[in-house]
Amino acid sequence: MKILADYHTHTIYSHGKGTIEDNVKVAISKGIETLGISDHGYGHLTYGVKRDDIFRMREEIDILNEKYKNNIKILLGIESNILDDKGNIDYDEKIGSVLDYVMAGYHFGSKPNNLKGLLNHSKNYFLKSEKAKEYNTLAIINAMKNNNIFVITHPGDKGDVYIEEIAKVAKETNTRLEINSSHRFLNVEQLKKIEHIGNTFIVGSDAHIPKNVGNFNLALNTIKEADIDLSLIENIKF
C-alpha cells in the first residue's frame, strides 16, 4: 500500500502534541507524498486554533515546503466545525484565502450559534434522540451545499446521522467522506448502507501525536471488513 496523502493531522496549534515540522518528519519517514495540517476551526471552545495563528501556520508551511521540497508537499487545511442546521461553519473568506482545503465535521466543543444548537449538543450527548439525528443530518447536508468542503470528517461520530442522505449530497457536491482511523466512523455498517451510491472516500489518521501520522490501521480494517471498492479511496494506492 502506498499512502498518497494524509489530510487529517493536528498540531500544537490546536490540541495536537507536535509541531507542524514534527508531523512533516514522520510523514517523510513513511513515504507519504502529501501531508495536510488540519487543526480545529476557531469555533471550537477548547481546542480551536486562534484566528491569527492560521496566518502564522501559512507562513510556517511555506517555509517548510521550501525546506522539504524534494521530499513532500505540505498543505494547510482546517477541520472546521459545523455549527448549526443551516450548515454554517467557522470559516470566512479571509481565512479561506490562505487555506489549501477545508474539512468539516461535528464536534461537541463547537460553539453553538443559538439556543437550538445548544439543545442539540445536549440531545446528542445525553439523549441521542431522533430529532437530534435529523438535525445532525441536515447540518451536514447544508454545510456541503453552502460551502466548498473537501472532506466531511468522521460522519456520524458524536451525533448519529442518516448516512444515506449525506452520501447522496456528498456525491452531488463532490465532497469526500472520511473513513477515520482514530474514530470508528465511517464504520462498516455505514459503508454497507451507501456502497451503491459510489462516493469518493479518503482515509484520515486524525493524528494528534506525530507518530500516528499516516497510521491508517483502523480505517484499513474497516475497509477490508466492508469490502468496498478500493478504487473509491482517493488517497491510498494498493
Protein backbone atom coordinates (compact mmCIF):
# COMPACT_ATOMS: atom_id res chain seq x y z
CA MET A 1 0.00 0.00 0.00
CA LYS A 2 1.20 3.50 -0.85
CA ILE A 3 -0.03 6.48 1.19
CA LEU A 4 -0.53 9.28 -1.30
CA ALA A 5 -1.75 11.76 1.31
CA ASP A 6 -2.82 12.14 4.92
CA TYR A 7 -5.04 15.21 5.06
CA HIS A 8 -6.19 14.92 8.68
CA THR A 9 -3.45 15.72 11.19
CA HIS A 10 -3.34 18.03 14.22
CA THR A 11 -0.57 20.06 15.82
CA ILE A 12 0.13 22.18 18.89
CA TYR A 13 -1.83 24.97 17.19
CA SER A 14 -4.98 23.16 18.39
CA HIS A 15 -4.71 20.09 20.65
CA GLY A 16 -2.06 18.04 18.94
CA LYS A 17 1.18 17.23 20.71
CA GLY A 18 3.70 18.00 17.96
CA THR A 19 4.72 20.86 15.73
CA ILE A 20 3.99 21.07 12.02
CA GLU A 21 7.57 20.07 11.31
CA ASP A 22 7.30 17.08 13.67
CA ASN A 23 4.39 15.82 11.57
CA VAL A 24 6.32 16.50 8.38
CA LYS A 25 9.32 14.47 9.50
CA VAL A 26 7.17 11.45 10.38
CA ALA A 27 5.31 11.73 7.08
CA ILE A 28 8.59 11.75 5.15
CA SER A 29 9.84 8.72 7.09
CA LYS A 30 6.69 6.83 5.99
CA GLY A 31 6.99 7.82 2.35
CA ILE A 32 3.85 9.97 2.37
CA GLU A 33 3.68 12.21 -0.69
CA THR A 34 1.32 14.92 0.63
CA LEU A 35 0.71 15.97 4.23
CA GLY A 36 -2.25 18.07 5.31
CA ILE A 37 -2.26 20.07 8.52
CA SER A 38 -5.88 20.47 9.61
CA ASP A 39 -6.25 21.86 13.10
CA HIS A 40 -9.68 22.51 14.61
CA GLY A 41 -11.51 25.64 13.48
CA TYR A 42 -11.62 28.68 15.76
CA GLY A 43 -15.27 27.95 16.64
CA HIS A 44 -14.24 25.09 18.94
CA LEU A 45 -14.48 26.31 22.51
CA THR A 46 -11.49 24.41 23.88
CA TYR A 47 -9.36 23.13 21.01
CA GLY A 48 -9.92 25.73 18.32
CA VAL A 49 -6.96 27.30 16.56
CA LYS A 50 -6.57 31.03 17.19
CA ARG A 51 -7.55 33.06 14.14
CA ASP A 52 -4.21 34.87 13.94
CA ASP A 53 -2.34 31.57 14.18
CA ILE A 54 -3.85 30.41 10.90
CA PHE A 55 -1.81 33.05 9.08
CA ARG A 56 1.31 32.10 11.06
CA MET A 57 0.74 28.50 10.04
CA ARG A 58 0.57 29.55 6.40
CA GLU A 59 3.96 31.26 6.71
CA GLU A 60 5.45 28.29 8.54
CA ILE A 61 4.19 25.82 5.94
CA ASP A 62 5.53 27.95 3.08
CA ILE A 63 8.97 27.85 4.70
CA LEU A 64 8.76 24.09 5.32
CA ASN A 65 7.63 23.45 1.75
CA GLU A 66 10.81 25.11 0.54
CA LYS A 67 12.94 23.22 3.08
CA TYR A 68 11.46 19.81 2.21
CA LYS A 69 10.56 20.43 -1.44
CA ASN A 70 12.38 17.30 -2.61
CA ASN A 71 10.62 15.07 -0.09
CA ILE A 72 6.99 16.03 0.41
CA LYS A 73 4.22 18.54 -0.32
CA ILE A 74 2.66 20.20 2.74
CA LEU A 75 -0.85 21.68 2.65
CA LEU A 76 -2.65 23.96 5.08
CA GLY A 77 -6.19 22.86 5.79
CA ILE A 78 -8.61 23.25 8.65
CA GLU A 79 -11.12 20.98 10.35
CA SER A 80 -13.98 23.44 10.53
CA ASN A 81 -16.82 22.93 12.96
CA ILE A 82 -20.35 22.53 11.62
CA LEU A 83 -22.21 25.00 13.81
CA ASP A 84 -25.92 24.64 13.05
CA ASP A 85 -28.56 23.06 10.85
CA LYS A 86 -28.18 25.88 8.32
CA GLY A 87 -24.76 24.48 7.51
CA ASN A 88 -22.73 27.38 8.89
CA ILE A 89 -19.11 26.58 9.65
CA ASP A 90 -16.35 28.56 11.36
CA TYR A 91 -14.79 29.84 8.17
CA ASP A 92 -14.62 33.13 6.32
CA GLU A 93 -13.11 34.43 3.09
CA LYS A 94 -10.06 35.96 4.79
CA ILE A 95 -9.12 32.63 6.32
CA GLY A 96 -10.06 30.83 3.13
CA SER A 97 -7.57 32.94 1.19
CA VAL A 98 -4.64 31.19 2.91
CA LEU A 99 -6.02 27.65 3.08
CA ASP A 100 -5.46 24.84 0.60
CA TYR A 101 -8.59 22.91 1.59
CA VAL A 102 -11.42 22.77 4.11
CA MET A 103 -12.58 19.76 6.09
CA ALA A 104 -15.69 19.96 8.26
CA GLY A 105 -17.19 17.86 11.00
CA TYR A 106 -19.41 17.94 14.05
CA HIS A 107 -17.80 18.26 17.49
CA PHE A 108 -19.32 18.63 20.94
CA GLY A 109 -16.96 21.51 21.67
CA SER A 110 -18.18 23.68 18.80
CA LYS A 111 -19.73 26.98 19.83
CA PRO A 112 -23.46 26.88 19.04
CA ASN A 113 -24.92 29.83 17.14
CA ASN A 114 -28.22 29.77 19.01
CA LEU A 115 -30.25 28.02 21.69
CA LYS A 116 -31.42 25.37 19.21
CA GLY A 117 -27.82 24.39 18.55
CA LEU A 118 -27.04 24.25 22.26
CA LEU A 119 -30.03 22.00 22.86
CA ASN A 120 -28.88 19.74 20.02
CA HIS A 121 -25.49 19.32 21.71
CA SER A 122 -27.36 18.14 24.79
CA LYS A 123 -29.56 15.77 22.80
CA ASN A 124 -26.53 14.25 21.09
CA TYR A 125 -24.61 13.86 24.32
CA PHE A 126 -27.37 12.61 26.62
CA LEU A 127 -30.46 11.55 24.70
CA LYS A 128 -29.37 10.56 21.18
CA SER A 129 -32.88 11.36 20.03
CA GLU A 130 -34.46 11.08 16.59
CA LYS A 131 -34.78 14.87 16.45
CA ALA A 132 -31.04 15.15 17.01
CA LYS A 133 -30.37 12.67 14.21
CA GLU A 134 -32.49 14.75 11.84
CA TYR A 135 -30.74 17.96 12.94
CA ASN A 136 -27.27 16.44 12.53
CA THR A 137 -28.08 15.16 9.06
CA LEU A 138 -29.48 18.49 7.91
CA ALA A 139 -26.48 20.34 9.34
CA ILE A 140 -24.01 18.27 7.33
CA ILE A 141 -26.10 18.37 4.17
CA ASN A 142 -26.40 22.16 4.30
CA ALA A 143 -22.71 22.53 5.13
CA MET A 144 -21.86 20.67 1.91
CA LYS A 145 -24.37 22.65 -0.14
CA ASN A 146 -23.33 26.06 1.19
CA ASN A 147 -19.54 25.69 1.44
CA ASN A 148 -16.70 24.34 -0.67
CA ILE A 149 -15.82 21.39 1.56
CA PHE A 150 -13.18 18.88 0.55
CA VAL A 151 -13.96 16.25 3.20
CA ILE A 152 -16.62 15.59 5.83
CA THR A 153 -14.73 14.20 8.80
CA HIS A 154 -15.91 11.14 10.76
CA PRO A 155 -19.61 11.46 9.77
CA GLY A 156 -21.88 10.02 12.43
CA ASP A 157 -19.38 10.40 15.25
CA LYS A 158 -20.64 12.36 18.28
CA GLY A 159 -24.10 12.63 16.70
CA ASP A 160 -25.99 9.99 14.72
CA VAL A 161 -26.97 10.76 11.11
CA TYR A 162 -28.92 9.37 8.19
CA ILE A 163 -25.80 8.40 6.29
CA GLU A 164 -27.60 7.59 3.02
CA GLU A 165 -28.94 11.16 2.78
CA ILE A 166 -25.50 12.60 3.50
CA ALA A 167 -23.84 10.30 0.96
CA LYS A 168 -26.24 11.36 -1.79
CA VAL A 169 -25.46 15.05 -1.29
CA ALA A 170 -21.74 14.31 -0.94
CA LYS A 171 -21.89 12.66 -4.36
CA GLU A 172 -23.75 15.65 -5.84
CA THR A 173 -21.33 18.20 -4.38
CA ASN A 174 -18.13 16.19 -4.99
CA THR A 175 -17.45 16.08 -1.26
CA ARG A 176 -15.38 13.21 0.07
CA LEU A 177 -16.38 11.22 3.12
CA GLU A 178 -13.74 10.23 5.63
CA ILE A 179 -13.02 6.77 6.98
CA ASN A 180 -11.33 7.95 10.15
CA SER A 181 -8.57 5.90 11.70
CA SER A 182 -8.98 7.31 15.22
CA HIS A 183 -12.79 7.23 15.43
CA ARG A 184 -14.92 4.34 14.17
CA PHE A 185 -16.70 6.44 11.57
CA LEU A 186 -17.37 5.85 8.82
CA ASN A 187 -17.95 2.33 10.11
CA VAL A 188 -18.72 -0.94 8.36
CA GLU A 189 -22.49 -0.61 8.77
CA GLN A 190 -22.47 2.88 7.25
CA LEU A 191 -20.30 1.82 4.33
CA LYS A 192 -22.61 -1.08 3.56
CA LYS A 193 -25.61 1.26 3.53
CA ILE A 194 -24.05 3.62 0.97
CA GLU A 195 -21.98 1.28 -1.19
CA HIS A 196 -24.44 1.63 -4.10
CA ILE A 197 -24.02 5.43 -4.22
CA GLY A 198 -20.41 5.42 -5.41
CA ASN A 199 -18.95 8.05 -3.11
CA THR A 200 -15.31 9.02 -3.06
CA PHE A 201 -13.60 8.39 0.28
CA ILE A 202 -10.41 9.38 1.99
CA VAL A 203 -8.80 7.69 4.96
CA GLY A 204 -7.54 10.04 7.64
CA SER A 205 -5.22 9.32 10.52
CA ASP A 206 -6.68 12.14 12.65
CA ALA A 207 -3.24 12.09 14.24
CA HIS A 208 -2.88 14.07 17.44
CA ILE A 209 0.67 12.90 18.05
CA PRO A 210 3.31 12.88 15.31
CA LYS A 211 3.95 9.13 15.35
CA ASN A 212 0.34 8.50 14.28
CA VAL A 213 0.65 10.48 11.06
CA GLY A 214 -0.17 8.03 8.27
CA ASN A 215 -1.47 5.41 10.69
CA PHE A 216 -4.49 4.03 8.84
CA ASN A 217 -4.72 0.66 10.59
CA LEU A 218 -8.24 1.06 11.97
CA ALA A 219 -9.52 2.54 8.71
CA LEU A 220 -7.96 -0.25 6.65
CA ASN A 221 -9.59 -2.89 8.85
CA THR A 222 -12.93 -1.15 8.31
CA ILE A 223 -12.37 -1.05 4.56
CA LYS A 224 -11.48 -4.73 4.48
CA GLU A 225 -14.50 -5.78 6.54
CA ALA A 226 -16.88 -3.64 4.47
CA ASP A 227 -15.33 -4.97 1.25
CA ILE A 228 -15.67 -1.65 -0.54
CA ASP A 229 -14.21 -0.86 -3.93
CA LEU A 230 -10.63 0.21 -3.23
CA SER A 231 -10.58 2.48 -6.27
CA LEU A 232 -13.03 4.78 -4.44
CA ILE A 233 -10.42 5.63 -1.77
CA GLU A 234 -8.64 8.65 -3.12
CA ASN A 235 -5.53 8.96 -1.01
CA ILE A 236 -4.10 5.44 -0.92
CA LYS A 237 -2.91 3.12 -3.67
CA PHE A 238 -2.87 -0.66 -3.37
